[in-house]
Amino acid sequence: MQYDTLSYKQLHLSIRSKVARDGWLSLWRGWSTTVLRDVPFSAVYWYNYERFKKMMCKNAGASEPTFFIAFTAGAASGSIAAVVTLPFDVVKTHRQTELWDSGTLQNPQRDCASTWALMRKIVAKKGVAGLFAGITPRLFKVAPSCAIMISTYEYGKAFFRQLNEKTNQHP
């Protein structure tokens, strides 16, 4: 699917039209499916990251994670979290395309009232594999972004810890 680029004026007019037609709350439609994806993603990611980091530090005999340890633990944790939460990402994408279709094609909105009903509909149409559609692109996006984010964070944390220790030793 491709979308035309909107100017700020067009965006403003589109938002005004949406609010006039469907009310202010319509701007947050689809928010719940994003939360159902992102909250579990964060819980699974951070739990696994801390476990992998401790295990890898112990195996390497390091008290703090190296860049490689943080990068690897971040990629692995992100991959696990991406796979576990992919069904919610698929539902979110379905909801977003339903919203777009209902606004542009004048189709009735939301075949399914709930996330669970939409999941059942996807499974009925495509099997359980339908809930994992797009797994390869999601992993190609999530694993490197989690690896880069956490290794940069750990590197910065170590850098500033050392800087603070030097500053405290030589006031």
Protein backbone atom coordinates (compact mmCIF):
# COMPACT_ATOMS: atom_id res chain seq x y z
CA MET A 1 0.00 0.00 0.00
CA GLN A 2 1.31 3.45 -0.87
CA TYR A 3 0.12 6.74 0.51
CA ASP A 4 0.42 10.22 -0.92
CA THR A 5 2.46 12.73 1.01
CA LEU A 6 0.23 15.20 2.84
CA SER A 7 1.03 18.84 3.43
CA TYR A 8 0.46 20.22 6.94
CA LYS A 9 -2.63 22.01 5.62
CA GLN A 10 -4.03 18.77 4.19
CA LEU A 11 -3.22 16.94 7.43
CA HIS A 12 -4.99 19.63 9.46
CA LEU A 13 -8.05 19.48 7.19
CA SER A 14 -8.09 15.69 7.39
CA ILE A 15 -7.98 15.73 11.19
CA ARG A 16 -10.70 18.40 11.39
CA SER A 17 -12.89 16.38 9.04
CA LYS A 18 -12.35 13.18 11.04
CA VAL A 19 -13.16 14.90 14.34
CA ALA A 20 -16.24 16.60 12.88
CA ARG A 21 -17.52 13.30 11.45
CA ASP A 22 -16.59 10.83 14.23
CA GLY A 23 -15.63 12.88 17.32
CA TRP A 24 -12.36 13.40 19.19
CA LEU A 25 -12.08 9.82 20.41
CA SER A 26 -11.86 8.61 16.81
CA LEU A 27 -8.28 9.92 16.75
CA TRP A 28 -7.34 7.16 19.20
CA ARG A 29 -8.98 4.23 17.42
CA GLY A 30 -6.60 1.32 17.21
CA TRP A 31 -4.64 2.48 20.27
CA SER A 32 -5.61 -0.54 22.36
CA THR A 33 -4.09 -3.03 19.90
CA THR A 34 -0.83 -1.06 19.93
CA VAL A 35 -0.78 -1.24 23.74
CA LEU A 36 -1.51 -5.00 23.58
CA ARG A 37 1.57 -5.36 21.41
CA ASP A 38 3.98 -2.93 23.08
CA VAL A 39 3.46 -3.65 26.80
CA PRO A 40 4.07 -7.42 26.50
CA PHE A 41 6.93 -6.71 24.07
CA SER A 42 8.68 -4.56 26.68
CA ALA A 43 8.09 -7.08 29.47
CA VAL A 44 9.42 -10.01 27.42
CA TYR A 45 12.31 -7.94 26.04
CA TRP A 46 13.61 -6.62 29.37
CA TYR A 47 13.17 -9.92 31.20
CA ASN A 48 15.15 -11.81 28.56
CA TYR A 49 17.72 -9.07 28.11
CA GLU A 50 18.64 -9.09 31.81
CA ARG A 51 18.81 -12.91 31.88
CA PHE A 52 20.95 -13.12 28.72
CA LYS A 53 23.19 -10.27 29.88
CA LYS A 54 23.86 -11.92 33.27
CA MET A 55 24.44 -15.33 31.68
CA MET A 56 26.81 -13.95 29.03
CA CYS A 57 28.71 -11.80 31.54
CA LYS A 58 29.12 -14.82 33.80
CA ASN A 59 30.38 -16.97 30.89
CA ALA A 60 32.81 -14.23 29.82
CA GLY A 61 33.97 -13.53 33.38
CA ALA A 62 32.91 -9.89 33.04
CA SER A 63 31.29 -7.83 35.77
CA GLU A 64 29.77 -5.42 33.22
CA PRO A 65 28.52 -6.20 29.71
CA THR A 66 30.85 -5.55 26.82
CA PHE A 67 29.50 -3.95 23.66
CA PHE A 68 29.31 -7.43 22.08
CA ILE A 69 27.42 -8.91 25.05
CA ALA A 70 24.89 -6.06 25.10
CA PHE A 71 24.48 -6.18 21.31
CA THR A 72 23.96 -9.95 21.23
CA ALA A 73 21.66 -10.05 24.26
CA GLY A 74 19.66 -7.14 22.81
CA ALA A 75 19.24 -8.82 19.41
CA ALA A 76 18.24 -12.15 20.95
CA SER A 77 15.82 -10.55 23.41
CA GLY A 78 14.28 -8.38 20.72
CA SER A 79 13.83 -11.40 18.47
CA ILE A 80 12.06 -13.40 21.18
CA ALA A 81 9.81 -10.46 22.08
CA ALA A 82 9.01 -9.86 18.40
CA VAL A 83 7.94 -13.47 17.84
CA VAL A 84 5.89 -13.64 21.06
CA THR A 85 4.01 -10.41 20.30
CA LEU A 86 3.68 -10.81 16.53
CA PRO A 87 0.02 -11.91 16.70
CA PHE A 88 -0.81 -8.55 18.32
CA ASP A 89 1.20 -6.74 15.64
CA VAL A 90 -0.78 -8.58 12.95
CA VAL A 91 -4.05 -7.54 14.63
CA LYS A 92 -2.81 -3.94 14.91
CA THR A 93 -1.99 -3.90 11.20
CA HIS A 94 -5.41 -5.35 10.34
CA ARG A 95 -7.07 -2.67 12.48
CA GLN A 96 -5.06 0.10 10.81
CA THR A 97 -5.98 -1.11 7.33
CA GLU A 98 -9.64 -1.39 8.41
CA LEU A 99 -9.52 2.22 9.60
CA TRP A 100 -7.95 3.33 6.31
CA ASP A 101 -10.44 1.32 4.24
CA SER A 102 -13.40 2.66 6.20
CA GLY A 103 -12.25 6.25 5.71
CA THR A 104 -11.24 6.11 2.06
CA LEU A 105 -13.35 3.36 0.54
CA GLN A 106 -16.49 3.99 2.59
CA ASN A 107 -16.42 0.38 3.79
CA PRO A 108 -18.12 -0.44 7.06
CA GLN A 109 -15.61 -0.33 9.88
CA ARG A 110 -14.49 -3.26 12.00
CA ASP A 111 -15.76 -6.67 11.03
CA CYS A 112 -14.73 -7.90 14.49
CA ALA A 113 -15.52 -6.07 17.69
CA SER A 114 -12.58 -7.34 19.73
CA THR A 115 -8.94 -8.21 19.33
CA TRP A 116 -9.70 -11.82 20.24
CA ALA A 117 -12.51 -12.03 17.67
CA LEU A 118 -10.16 -10.69 14.99
CA MET A 119 -7.52 -13.25 16.01
CA ARG A 120 -10.10 -16.04 15.69
CA LYS A 121 -11.11 -14.71 12.27
CA ILE A 122 -7.47 -14.69 11.09
CA VAL A 123 -6.93 -18.24 12.37
CA ALA A 124 -10.14 -19.40 10.65
CA LYS A 125 -9.03 -17.88 7.34
CA LYS A 126 -5.29 -18.57 7.35
CA GLY A 127 -4.60 -20.90 10.25
CA VAL A 128 -2.31 -20.11 13.17
CA ALA A 129 0.37 -19.14 10.62
CA GLY A 130 -1.81 -16.13 9.76
CA LEU A 131 -1.06 -14.67 13.20
CA PHE A 132 2.64 -14.81 12.34
CA ALA A 133 2.41 -13.16 8.91
CA GLY A 134 5.37 -10.87 8.30
CA ILE A 135 7.67 -12.53 10.82
CA THR A 136 10.77 -12.19 8.64
CA PRO A 137 10.51 -8.42 8.04
CA ARG A 138 9.61 -7.88 11.70
CA LEU A 139 12.71 -9.78 12.85
CA PHE A 140 14.88 -7.89 10.35
CA LYS A 141 13.59 -4.64 11.85
CA VAL A 142 13.38 -5.49 15.55
CA ALA A 143 16.57 -7.52 16.19
CA PRO A 144 19.02 -4.88 14.90
CA SER A 145 17.11 -1.96 16.40
CA CYS A 146 17.04 -3.60 19.85
CA ALA A 147 20.71 -4.56 19.55
CA ILE A 148 21.75 -1.04 18.56
CA MET A 149 19.56 0.64 21.18
CA ILE A 150 20.70 -1.42 24.17
CA SER A 151 24.38 -1.62 23.24
CA THR A 152 24.47 2.16 22.76
CA TYR A 153 22.72 2.62 26.10
CA GLU A 154 25.12 0.25 27.91
CA TYR A 155 28.14 1.89 26.25
CA GLY A 156 26.92 5.36 27.26
CA LYS A 157 26.16 4.19 30.79
CA ALA A 158 29.68 2.74 31.17
CA PHE A 159 31.27 5.84 29.62
CA PHE A 160 29.54 8.25 31.99
CA ARG A 161 30.11 5.99 35.01
CA GLN A 162 33.86 6.07 34.28
CA LEU A 163 33.74 9.82 33.71
CA ASN A 164 31.96 10.34 37.04
CA GLU A 165 34.48 8.12 38.83
CA LYS A 166 37.38 10.13 37.37
CA THR A 167 35.70 13.41 38.29
CA ASN A 168 35.09 12.23 41.86
CA GLN A 169 38.73 11.12 42.20
CA HIS A 170 40.16 14.40 40.88
CA PRO A 171 37.88 17.27 41.96
